[in-house]
Amino acid sequence: MNTPEISFVIPVYNSANTIGAVVQDILRLFSFLEFEIILVNDGSRDATESVCRQLVEAHPQRVIFLQLSRNFSEHNAVLAGLNQSRGHYVAVLDDDGQNPPAEIIRMYEAIKTGNFDTVYGFYKEKQHHWFRNLGSRFNDAVANVMLKKPRDLYLSSFKIMNRFTVDQVITYKGAFPYIDGLIFRATQNIAQIPVEHKKREDGASGYTLKKLVKLWLNMFLNFSISPLRLAAIVGLFTAAASVPLILLIIIDKIMNPQLTMGVPTILVAMTFFAGLQLLIIGLVGEYLGRMFLDHAGTPQYIVRYAYAGDQQSLNEAPRATTPRRPAPPAVTREEPFHGSI
């Protein structure tokens, strides 16, 4: 089998009514080159599995289907697809039709002509719900600090990577992947281009508040120790601020011996410092808990089976989450962000 020029990795979740149209658009638009489509079903509760199998049967030379054993989250599903991919370039897009496959042609041309490692799609006008847009802005602001991301670079799920970047990303063995953090860990040779973002035609986003918080924590805690440093600074600041307050209380008591100490004031102070201590302890505990789960071998994902046209059912039992190929040695090469092109 020839090595594909592009692998399309699509995490699918409750998208039985939309994934077929996305696949058909890719098949129609990219007939001029070798490509493969990897569908990763992340624990869907509708007929997505059946639809994806039908797509494999209809296009056995183009489509590969991975059925995960349960819902692991979008970034874990993407990592499963990246491990399966063989293309010189790998495009990641959503399953709901909001990322037009036609825009990948421009992103493909940009990554080749600009010799970039990754090209993101920057939405000219986002069609997400306002709540998700708010979460995206917050996540973007935190990424500026945690990942040292350029402020004018927008991190989206719509992107294309070269093989070097993909091989570095799939070396990650932890249970809490954040794809954009893994990309920035490997390279800064990154660009973005403006792309269209369509309205969702069917269903609702699978991102709940709980999932958004979980995704934010993966980025916040997995790629920097800045939160621990911030906790130390906050603790030092509050301890230092308490010294002059104590001195003022002592002076006030000396000057006014009849003055009684306010019980409410003491209770408020105790509550504040107890809450601060619990916050810092909880932060440290989150780091330790993630280390424990990684050490205990918590899987990134488990593939129940892979389904391809040339080989019926592969790996019916859960398989290890090892990379598809040995990754090359890391290259300590960092280039400045090139901005929009």
Protein backbone atom coordinates (compact mmCIF):
# COMPACT_ATOMS: atom_id res chain seq x y z
CA MET A 1 0.00 0.00 0.00
CA ASN A 2 1.32 3.44 -0.94
CA THR A 3 2.08 5.90 1.83
CA PRO A 4 -0.72 8.50 1.90
CA GLU A 5 0.14 12.13 1.34
CA ILE A 6 -2.49 13.18 3.89
CA SER A 7 -4.15 11.29 6.73
CA PHE A 8 -7.46 12.74 7.93
CA VAL A 9 -8.03 12.03 11.63
CA ILE A 10 -11.64 12.60 12.73
CA PRO A 11 -12.76 11.90 16.31
CA VAL A 12 -16.44 11.02 16.15
CA TYR A 13 -18.99 11.26 18.94
CA ASN A 14 -22.75 10.91 18.42
CA SER A 15 -22.35 12.03 14.80
CA ALA A 16 -24.33 9.40 12.90
CA ASN A 17 -26.18 12.14 11.00
CA THR A 18 -23.13 14.23 10.04
CA ILE A 19 -20.01 12.09 9.61
CA GLY A 20 -21.14 10.63 6.28
CA ALA A 21 -21.31 14.07 4.63
CA VAL A 22 -17.86 14.99 5.99
CA VAL A 23 -16.31 11.80 4.58
CA GLN A 24 -18.02 12.29 1.21
CA ASP A 25 -16.64 15.84 0.97
CA ILE A 26 -13.11 14.57 1.61
CA LEU A 27 -13.48 11.80 -0.97
CA ARG A 28 -14.71 14.30 -3.56
CA LEU A 29 -12.17 17.06 -2.89
CA PHE A 30 -8.97 15.04 -2.49
CA SER A 31 -9.19 12.56 -5.34
CA PHE A 32 -6.06 14.17 -6.84
CA LEU A 33 -3.72 12.63 -4.23
CA GLU A 34 -3.23 9.61 -1.98
CA PHE A 35 -5.02 9.94 1.34
CA GLU A 36 -6.63 7.95 4.14
CA ILE A 37 -9.47 8.78 6.52
CA ILE A 38 -9.25 7.53 10.10
CA LEU A 39 -12.51 7.65 12.05
CA VAL A 40 -12.19 7.19 15.82
CA ASN A 41 -15.44 6.51 17.64
CA ASP A 42 -15.10 7.91 21.15
CA GLY A 43 -17.89 6.03 22.93
CA SER A 44 -20.86 7.30 20.90
CA ARG A 45 -24.33 6.41 22.12
CA ASP A 46 -26.12 6.61 18.79
CA ALA A 47 -25.68 4.71 15.51
CA THR A 48 -22.25 6.22 14.81
CA GLU A 49 -20.47 2.86 14.97
CA SER A 50 -22.76 1.32 12.37
CA VAL A 51 -22.47 4.36 10.06
CA CYS A 52 -18.66 4.34 10.28
CA ARG A 53 -18.53 0.63 9.45
CA GLN A 54 -20.71 1.26 6.42
CA LEU A 55 -18.32 4.00 5.29
CA VAL A 56 -15.41 1.54 5.54
CA GLU A 57 -17.32 -1.03 3.49
CA ALA A 58 -18.24 1.56 0.85
CA HIS A 59 -14.68 2.94 0.60
CA PRO A 60 -12.35 0.12 1.72
CA GLN A 61 -9.21 1.67 0.24
CA ARG A 62 -9.70 5.02 1.91
CA VAL A 63 -11.43 4.67 5.29
CA ILE A 64 -10.22 3.05 8.52
CA PHE A 65 -12.39 2.84 11.63
CA LEU A 66 -11.25 2.59 15.24
CA GLN A 67 -13.85 1.72 17.87
CA LEU A 68 -12.74 2.78 21.35
CA SER A 69 -13.96 0.75 24.32
CA ARG A 70 -15.55 3.80 26.01
CA ASN A 71 -15.52 7.59 25.95
CA PHE A 72 -11.99 8.83 26.62
CA SER A 73 -12.39 12.49 25.44
CA GLU A 74 -11.60 14.18 22.16
CA HIS A 75 -7.84 14.62 22.60
CA ASN A 76 -7.39 10.96 23.55
CA ALA A 77 -9.37 9.94 20.47
CA VAL A 78 -7.22 12.20 18.29
CA LEU A 79 -4.10 10.62 19.75
CA ALA A 80 -5.47 7.18 18.85
CA GLY A 81 -5.94 8.36 15.27
CA LEU A 82 -2.47 9.92 15.12
CA ASN A 83 -0.94 6.60 16.19
CA GLN A 84 -2.79 4.88 13.35
CA SER A 85 -1.95 7.50 10.71
CA ARG A 86 0.65 6.93 7.98
CA GLY A 87 0.48 10.14 5.95
CA HIS A 88 3.27 12.62 5.32
CA TYR A 89 0.79 15.19 6.68
CA VAL A 90 -2.05 14.67 9.13
CA ALA A 91 -5.15 16.88 9.22
CA VAL A 92 -7.43 16.90 12.27
CA LEU A 93 -11.01 18.09 11.90
CA ASP A 94 -14.37 17.81 13.64
CA ASP A 95 -17.11 15.33 12.81
CA ASP A 96 -20.02 17.78 12.67
CA GLY A 97 -19.27 19.55 9.39
CA GLN A 98 -18.26 22.83 11.02
CA ASN A 99 -14.69 22.40 9.68
CA PRO A 100 -15.09 22.43 5.87
CA PRO A 101 -12.72 19.87 4.29
CA ALA A 102 -12.22 22.32 1.40
CA GLU A 103 -10.23 24.57 3.76
CA ILE A 104 -7.72 21.77 4.29
CA ILE A 105 -6.54 22.25 0.70
CA ARG A 106 -5.40 25.77 1.62
CA MET A 107 -3.91 24.56 4.90
CA TYR A 108 -2.06 21.79 3.03
CA GLU A 109 -0.63 24.28 0.55
CA ALA A 110 0.38 26.60 3.41
CA ILE A 111 2.24 23.94 5.40
CA LYS A 112 4.11 22.76 2.29
CA THR A 113 5.05 26.12 0.81
CA GLY A 114 5.90 27.67 4.18
CA ASN A 115 7.75 24.56 5.41
CA PHE A 116 5.86 24.77 8.70
CA ASP A 117 5.49 21.96 11.22
CA THR A 118 1.86 22.83 12.01
CA VAL A 119 -0.76 25.12 10.50
CA TYR A 120 -3.88 26.01 12.49
CA GLY A 121 -7.18 27.15 11.06
CA PHE A 122 -8.19 30.53 12.48
CA TYR A 123 -11.97 30.97 12.40
CA LYS A 124 -12.96 34.20 10.72
CA GLU A 125 -16.31 34.00 12.49
CA LYS A 126 -16.96 31.33 15.10
CA GLN A 127 -20.31 29.57 15.10
CA HIS A 128 -20.02 27.95 18.52
CA HIS A 129 -22.40 28.64 21.39
CA TRP A 130 -21.44 31.74 23.40
CA PHE A 131 -20.59 29.59 26.43
CA ARG A 132 -18.05 27.54 24.48
CA ASN A 133 -16.63 30.73 22.92
CA LEU A 134 -16.17 32.13 26.42
CA GLY A 135 -14.36 28.97 27.49
CA SER A 136 -12.16 29.13 24.38
CA ARG A 137 -11.12 32.70 25.15
CA PHE A 138 -10.27 31.75 28.72
CA ASN A 139 -8.33 28.69 27.55
CA ASP A 140 -6.47 30.83 25.01
CA ALA A 141 -5.46 33.37 27.68
CA VAL A 142 -4.13 30.62 29.95
CA ALA A 143 -2.25 29.00 27.04
CA ASN A 144 -0.39 32.28 26.49
CA VAL A 145 1.17 31.79 29.92
CA MET A 146 1.33 28.01 30.29
CA LEU A 147 2.49 27.12 26.77
CA LYS A 148 4.30 30.39 25.95
CA LYS A 149 1.95 30.66 22.98
CA PRO A 150 2.08 33.81 20.84
CA ARG A 151 -0.94 35.95 21.68
CA ASP A 152 -2.02 36.29 18.06
CA LEU A 153 -2.06 32.52 17.47
CA TYR A 154 -5.45 30.86 17.97
CA LEU A 155 -5.46 27.22 19.06
CA SER A 156 -8.26 25.34 17.32
CA SER A 157 -9.11 21.69 16.79
CA PHE A 158 -8.82 22.33 13.03
CA LYS A 159 -5.17 21.87 12.04
CA ILE A 160 -2.67 20.07 9.86
CA MET A 161 0.70 18.70 11.02
CA ASN A 162 3.70 17.28 9.23
CA ARG A 163 5.08 13.83 10.01
CA PHE A 164 7.84 15.22 12.24
CA THR A 165 5.30 16.83 14.55
CA VAL A 166 3.03 13.79 14.62
CA ASP A 167 5.92 11.47 15.49
CA GLN A 168 6.85 13.73 18.40
CA VAL A 169 3.27 14.03 19.67
CA ILE A 170 2.67 10.26 19.76
CA THR A 171 5.70 9.69 22.00
CA TYR A 172 3.56 11.02 24.87
CA LYS A 173 2.53 8.17 27.17
CA GLY A 174 0.58 10.03 29.86
CA ALA A 175 -3.12 9.49 30.50
CA PHE A 176 -4.09 13.15 30.06
CA PRO A 177 -3.04 14.31 26.58
CA TYR A 178 -3.52 17.87 25.36
CA ILE A 179 -2.62 17.85 21.66
CA ASP A 180 -1.81 21.55 21.35
CA GLY A 181 0.47 21.39 24.38
CA LEU A 182 2.27 18.41 22.84
CA ILE A 183 2.68 20.33 19.58
CA PHE A 184 4.21 23.31 21.36
CA ARG A 185 6.46 20.96 23.30
CA ALA A 186 7.89 19.78 19.97
CA THR A 187 8.05 22.92 17.86
CA GLN A 188 7.35 26.63 17.51
CA ASN A 189 7.51 26.55 13.72
CA ILE A 190 3.76 27.15 13.57
CA ALA A 191 1.45 29.30 11.45
CA GLN A 192 -2.26 29.92 11.02
CA ILE A 193 -4.57 30.87 8.17
CA PRO A 194 -8.13 32.21 8.26
CA VAL A 195 -10.75 29.54 7.56
CA GLU A 196 -14.51 29.30 7.42
CA HIS A 197 -16.43 27.91 10.39
CA LYS A 198 -19.86 26.61 9.46
CA LYS A 199 -22.92 26.41 11.65
CA ARG A 200 -23.67 23.04 13.18
CA GLU A 201 -26.42 21.42 11.11
CA ASP A 202 -27.40 18.63 13.50
CA GLY A 203 -27.22 17.86 17.20
CA ALA A 204 -25.35 19.76 19.89
CA SER A 205 -21.74 20.02 20.95
CA GLY A 206 -20.49 17.18 23.12
CA TYR A 207 -18.52 19.64 25.26
CA THR A 208 -20.17 20.08 28.64
CA LEU A 209 -18.87 22.32 31.42
CA LYS A 210 -17.28 19.26 33.05
CA LYS A 211 -15.45 18.32 29.84
CA LEU A 212 -14.27 21.89 29.26
CA VAL A 213 -12.87 22.07 32.81
CA LYS A 214 -11.15 18.70 32.35
CA LEU A 215 -9.59 19.85 29.08
CA TRP A 216 -8.46 23.11 30.67
CA LEU A 217 -6.86 21.23 33.58
CA ASN A 218 -4.96 19.01 31.13
CA MET A 219 -3.40 22.09 29.60
CA PHE A 220 -3.03 23.94 32.92
CA LEU A 221 -1.31 21.15 34.86
CA ASN A 222 0.40 18.84 32.35
CA PHE A 223 2.80 21.21 30.62
CA SER A 224 4.02 23.62 33.28
CA ILE A 225 4.84 23.89 36.98
CA SER A 226 3.81 27.55 36.94
CA PRO A 227 0.67 26.82 39.03
CA LEU A 228 2.88 25.47 41.84
CA ARG A 229 5.09 28.54 41.63
CA LEU A 230 2.01 30.76 41.69
CA ALA A 231 0.73 28.92 44.76
CA ALA A 232 4.06 29.52 46.53
CA ILE A 233 3.97 33.22 45.63
CA VAL A 234 0.37 33.60 46.83
CA GLY A 235 1.23 31.84 50.09
CA LEU A 236 4.27 34.08 50.62
CA PHE A 237 2.27 37.20 49.80
CA THR A 238 -0.57 36.41 52.21
CA ALA A 239 1.87 35.48 54.96
CA ALA A 240 3.76 38.74 54.44
CA ALA A 241 0.53 40.74 54.36
CA SER A 242 -0.58 39.25 57.67
CA VAL A 243 2.47 40.61 59.54
CA PRO A 244 1.57 44.34 59.37
CA LEU A 245 -2.06 43.46 60.11
CA ILE A 246 -1.02 41.67 63.29
CA LEU A 247 1.18 44.62 64.29
CA LEU A 248 -1.71 47.03 63.75
CA ILE A 249 -3.97 44.87 65.94
CA ILE A 250 -1.33 44.78 68.72
CA ILE A 251 -0.79 48.56 68.55
CA ASP A 252 -4.54 49.18 68.59
CA LYS A 253 -4.90 46.92 71.64
CA ILE A 254 -2.08 48.73 73.49
CA MET A 255 -3.58 52.12 72.76
CA ASN A 256 -7.11 50.98 73.64
CA PRO A 257 -6.87 48.34 76.41
CA GLN A 258 -10.65 48.14 76.72
CA LEU A 259 -11.03 47.21 73.09
CA THR A 260 -12.35 43.68 72.58
CA MET A 261 -11.27 41.60 69.62
CA GLY A 262 -14.04 41.09 67.08
CA VAL A 263 -15.06 37.45 66.82
CA PRO A 264 -16.50 37.90 63.30
CA THR A 265 -13.20 39.39 62.13
CA ILE A 266 -11.28 36.43 63.47
CA LEU A 267 -13.68 33.95 61.89
CA VAL A 268 -13.44 35.67 58.51
CA ALA A 269 -9.64 35.66 58.70
CA MET A 270 -9.57 31.99 59.68
CA THR A 271 -11.97 31.07 56.87
CA PHE A 272 -9.91 32.99 54.32
CA PHE A 273 -6.58 31.42 55.26
CA ALA A 274 -8.10 27.94 55.64
CA GLY A 275 -9.61 28.23 52.16
CA LEU A 276 -6.28 29.42 50.75
CA GLN A 277 -4.48 26.48 52.33
CA LEU A 278 -7.01 23.99 50.95
CA LEU A 279 -6.69 25.54 47.50
CA ILE A 280 -2.91 25.13 47.49
CA ILE A 281 -3.09 21.62 48.97
CA GLY A 282 -5.68 20.68 46.34
CA LEU A 283 -3.42 21.99 43.58
CA VAL A 284 -0.49 19.93 44.84
CA GLY A 285 -2.82 16.93 45.24
CA GLU A 286 -3.96 17.26 41.60
CA TYR A 287 -0.35 17.08 40.44
CA LEU A 288 0.34 14.07 42.67
CA GLY A 289 -2.89 12.35 41.59
CA ARG A 290 -2.01 12.68 37.92
CA MET A 291 1.46 11.29 38.60
CA PHE A 292 -0.11 8.34 40.42
CA LEU A 293 -2.58 7.63 37.60
CA ASP A 294 0.19 7.78 35.01
CA HIS A 295 2.39 5.49 37.12
CA ALA A 296 -0.54 3.08 37.58
CA GLY A 297 -0.80 2.71 33.81
CA THR A 298 -4.09 4.52 33.20
CA PRO A 299 -4.58 4.14 29.43
CA GLN A 300 -4.81 7.06 27.04
CA TYR A 301 -7.37 5.02 25.12
CA ILE A 302 -8.31 1.40 24.44
CA VAL A 303 -9.16 0.27 20.93
CA ARG A 304 -11.86 -2.39 21.09
CA TYR A 305 -11.29 -3.16 17.41
CA ALA A 306 -10.04 -1.61 14.19
CA TYR A 307 -12.04 -2.11 11.02
CA ALA A 308 -10.58 -1.71 7.54
CA GLY A 309 -11.71 -2.77 4.10
CA ASP A 310 -8.69 -4.91 3.27
CA GLN A 311 -8.68 -6.63 6.68
CA GLN A 312 -12.03 -7.22 8.31
CA SER A 313 -11.72 -6.95 12.09
CA LEU A 314 -8.35 -6.23 13.62
CA ASN A 315 -7.40 -6.38 17.28
CA GLU A 316 -10.77 -7.47 18.60
CA ALA A 317 -9.32 -7.43 22.10
CA PRO A 318 -8.09 -4.17 23.65
CA ARG A 319 -4.58 -3.40 22.50
CA ALA A 320 -1.67 -1.43 23.85
CA THR A 321 -1.50 2.27 23.08
CA THR A 322 2.01 2.21 21.67
CA PRO A 323 2.94 4.38 18.69
CA ARG A 324 2.54 2.93 15.21
CA ARG A 325 6.21 3.48 14.37
CA PRO A 326 9.35 4.34 16.36
CA ALA A 327 9.63 8.09 16.70
CA PRO A 328 12.84 9.74 15.47
CA PRO A 329 15.15 11.42 17.98
CA ALA A 330 13.88 14.78 19.10
CA VAL A 331 15.44 17.71 17.28
CA THR A 332 16.11 20.66 19.52
CA ARG A 333 15.16 23.18 16.88
CA GLU A 334 12.90 26.06 17.69
CA GLU A 335 12.00 28.75 15.23
CA PRO A 336 9.96 31.89 15.89
CA PHE A 337 6.24 32.00 15.26
CA HIS A 338 5.60 33.14 11.70
CA GLY A 339 2.11 34.54 12.29
CA SER A 340 -0.78 34.49 9.88
CA ILE A 341 -0.09 33.91 6.23
